[in-house]
Amino acid sequence: MQELHHRGQPVLLGTSSVKESEIYSMALLHAGIPHNLLNAKSAVKEAEMIAEAGQKG
């Protein structure tokens, strides 16, 4: 993930549960990789994330 982040490449990581997505989120935070967590808890915020998805950086 670090290499992809340094290149500015967007990455979509899918999980099978909210708990699993939260574990990955904590790992990314620990690695210093900024990210957005999409887990169907806030429809408005997540719709904005989807609209911005795929942009470099």
C-alpha atoms as a PDB file:
ATOM      1  CA  MET A   1       0.000   0.000   0.000  1.00  0.00           C
ATOM      2  CA  GLN A   2       2.855   2.405   0.774  1.00  0.00           C
ATOM      3  CA  GLU A   3       4.176   2.211  -2.800  1.00  0.00           C
ATOM      4  CA  LEU A   4       0.724   2.847  -4.281  1.00  0.00           C
ATOM      5  CA  HIS A   5       0.217   5.757  -1.913  1.00  0.00           C
ATOM      6  CA  HIS A   6       3.561   7.305  -2.862  1.00  0.00           C
ATOM      7  CA  ARG A   7       2.604   7.084  -6.553  1.00  0.00           C
ATOM      8  CA  GLY A   8      -0.746   8.754  -5.801  1.00  0.00           C
ATOM      9  CA  GLN A   9      -2.644   5.755  -7.102  1.00  0.00           C
ATOM     10  CA  PRO A  10      -6.161   5.358  -5.718  1.00  0.00           C
ATOM     11  CA  VAL A  11      -6.961   1.964  -4.198  1.00  0.00           C
ATOM     12  CA  LEU A  12     -10.317   0.410  -3.402  1.00  0.00           C
ATOM     13  CA  LEU A  13     -10.155  -2.169  -0.636  1.00  0.00           C
ATOM     14  CA  GLY A  14     -13.265  -4.271  -0.093  1.00  0.00           C
ATOM     15  CA  THR A  15     -14.058  -6.166   3.099  1.00  0.00           C
ATOM     16  CA  SER A  16     -16.824  -8.494   4.149  1.00  0.00           C
ATOM     17  CA  SER A  17     -17.726  -6.674   7.375  1.00  0.00           C
ATOM     18  CA  VAL A  18     -17.701  -3.278   9.054  1.00  0.00           C
ATOM     19  CA  LYS A  19     -15.384  -4.628  11.760  1.00  0.00           C
ATOM     20  CA  GLU A  20     -12.886  -5.816   9.177  1.00  0.00           C
ATOM     21  CA  SER A  21     -12.983  -2.431   7.406  1.00  0.00           C
ATOM     22  CA  GLU A  22     -12.289  -0.714  10.728  1.00  0.00           C
ATOM     23  CA  ILE A  23      -9.253  -2.972  11.300  1.00  0.00           C
ATOM     24  CA  TYR A  24      -7.834  -2.039   7.891  1.00  0.00           C
ATOM     25  CA  SER A  25      -8.567   1.620   8.607  1.00  0.00           C
ATOM     26  CA  MET A  26      -6.567   1.473  11.822  1.00  0.00           C
ATOM     27  CA  ALA A  27      -3.661  -0.198   9.980  1.00  0.00           C
ATOM     28  CA  LEU A  28      -3.692   2.532   7.329  1.00  0.00           C
ATOM     29  CA  LEU A  29      -3.774   5.226  10.007  1.00  0.00           C
ATOM     30  CA  HIS A  30      -0.831   3.572  11.749  1.00  0.00           C
ATOM     31  CA  ALA A  31       1.069   3.530   8.427  1.00  0.00           C
ATOM     32  CA  GLY A  32       0.328   7.237   7.905  1.00  0.00           C
ATOM     33  CA  ILE A  33      -1.754   6.640   4.785  1.00  0.00           C
ATOM     34  CA  PRO A  34      -4.700   9.036   4.484  1.00  0.00           C
ATOM     35  CA  HIS A  35      -7.885   7.255   3.453  1.00  0.00           C
ATOM     36  CA  ASN A  36     -11.662   7.276   3.557  1.00  0.00           C
ATOM     37  CA  LEU A  37     -13.688   4.571   5.241  1.00  0.00           C
ATOM     38  CA  LEU A  38     -16.928   3.655   3.511  1.00  0.00           C
ATOM     39  CA  ASN A  39     -19.109   1.335   5.584  1.00  0.00           C
ATOM     40  CA  ALA A  40     -22.714   2.506   5.088  1.00  0.00           C
ATOM     41  CA  LYS A  41     -22.931   4.477   8.328  1.00  0.00           C
ATOM     42  CA  SER A  42     -23.299   7.960   6.786  1.00  0.00           C
ATOM     43  CA  ALA A  43     -24.997   8.026   3.381  1.00  0.00           C
ATOM     44  CA  VAL A  44     -24.376  11.723   2.635  1.00  0.00           C
ATOM     45  CA  LYS A  45     -20.666  11.678   3.510  1.00  0.00           C
ATOM     46  CA  GLU A  46     -20.146   8.396   1.693  1.00  0.00           C
ATOM     47  CA  ALA A  47     -21.914   9.663  -1.447  1.00  0.00           C
ATOM     48  CA  GLU A  48     -19.394  12.529  -1.516  1.00  0.00           C
ATOM     49  CA  MET A  49     -16.521  10.043  -1.165  1.00  0.00           C
ATOM     50  CA  ILE A  50     -17.844   7.989  -4.062  1.00  0.00           C
ATOM     51  CA  ALA A  51     -18.140  11.106  -6.220  1.00  0.00           C
ATOM     52  CA  GLU A  52     -14.457  11.865  -5.580  1.00  0.00           C
ATOM     53  CA  ALA A  53     -13.223   8.275  -5.907  1.00  0.00           C
ATOM     54  CA  GLY A  54     -10.500   7.430  -8.385  1.00  0.00           C
ATOM     55  CA  GLN A  55      -8.799  10.825  -8.363  1.00  0.00           C
ATOM     56  CA  LYS A  56      -5.029  10.752  -8.215  1.00  0.00           C
ATOM     57  CA  GLY A  57      -3.693  11.519  -4.726  1.00  0.00           C
END
